[in-house]
Protein backbone atom coordinates (compact mmCIF):
# COMPACT_ATOMS: atom_id res chain seq x y z
CA UNK A 1 71.62 90.19 132.89
CA UNK A 2 70.79 91.36 136.40
CA UNK A 3 68.45 88.50 136.94
CA UNK A 4 70.94 86.06 135.43
CA UNK A 5 73.72 87.37 137.78
CA UNK A 6 71.32 87.16 140.76
CA UNK A 7 70.40 83.53 139.91
CA UNK A 8 74.16 82.56 139.54
CA UNK A 9 74.98 84.22 143.00
CA UNK A 10 72.11 82.36 144.64
CA UNK A 11 72.65 79.04 142.81
CA UNK A 12 69.19 79.17 141.30
CA UNK A 13 68.82 77.43 137.92
CA UNK A 14 67.55 79.69 135.05
CA UNK A 15 66.73 79.49 131.47
CA UNK A 16 65.80 81.80 128.69
CA UNK A 17 62.38 81.69 127.15
CA UNK A 18 61.60 83.29 123.84
CA UNK A 19 59.23 86.31 124.13
CA UNK A 20 57.01 84.70 121.47
CA UNK A 21 56.54 81.82 123.67
CA UNK A 22 55.32 83.76 126.59
CA UNK A 23 53.11 86.00 124.52
CA UNK A 24 51.49 82.87 122.95
CA UNK A 25 51.19 81.37 126.35
CA UNK A 26 49.58 84.37 127.83
CA UNK A 27 47.48 85.75 125.03
CA UNK A 28 47.19 83.00 122.45
CA UNK A 29 49.26 85.06 119.94
CA UNK A 30 52.95 84.84 119.69
CA UNK A 31 53.06 88.39 118.37
CA UNK A 32 50.73 89.98 120.82
CA UNK A 33 51.43 93.72 121.54
CA UNK A 34 51.92 95.41 124.83
CA UNK A 35 48.20 96.23 125.24
CA UNK A 36 47.29 92.62 124.75
CA UNK A 37 49.71 91.43 127.47
CA UNK A 38 48.26 93.96 129.87
CA UNK A 39 44.74 92.98 129.03
CA UNK A 40 45.52 89.24 129.44
CA UNK A 41 46.92 90.06 132.98
CA UNK A 42 43.90 92.07 133.81
CA UNK A 43 41.67 89.20 132.77
CA UNK A 44 43.45 87.00 135.23
CA UNK A 45 42.72 89.49 138.04
CA UNK A 46 45.88 91.38 138.14
CA UNK A 47 46.46 95.18 137.79
CA UNK A 48 49.85 95.65 136.15
CA UNK A 49 51.30 99.14 136.09
CA UNK A 50 53.26 98.44 132.88
CA UNK A 51 53.81 96.11 130.09
CA UNK A 52 56.95 95.09 131.83
CA UNK A 53 54.96 94.02 134.82
CA UNK A 54 52.45 92.07 132.64
CA UNK A 55 55.34 90.26 130.95
CA UNK A 56 56.90 89.22 134.34
CA UNK A 57 53.57 87.77 135.34
CA UNK A 58 53.36 85.91 132.08
CA UNK A 59 56.79 84.49 132.75
CA UNK A 60 55.93 83.35 136.20
CA UNK A 61 52.68 81.65 135.06
CA UNK A 62 54.50 80.02 132.18
CA UNK A 63 57.11 78.65 134.44
CA UNK A 64 54.56 77.44 137.00
CA UNK A 65 52.70 75.67 134.12
CA UNK A 66 55.89 73.99 133.05
CA UNK A 67 57.59 72.84 136.46
CA UNK A 68 55.32 73.75 139.32
CA UNK A 69 56.82 71.31 142.01
CA UNK A 70 60.39 72.38 141.05
CA UNK A 71 59.56 76.07 141.39
CA UNK A 72 57.84 75.48 144.86
CA UNK A 73 60.65 73.24 146.26
CA UNK A 74 63.46 75.74 145.09
CA UNK A 75 61.56 78.71 146.44
CA UNK A 76 61.33 77.03 149.81
CA UNK A 77 65.18 76.45 150.04
């Protein structure tokens, strides 16, 4: 809820994404475990310190794959 509140305060649009969607996008399996999420991040050149960080990276990459121009223009505002 912290991220949702921050987005509302800043006027940034947000949407929920099912965890299985991110896992499938990132690893190819909708039920990937924590270790698989970390391994997928490492295969992409990242060094996440936790599965939460790997999940955040997956979310960012998923978003960029969906709407890259919108993300870039909103970040520049």
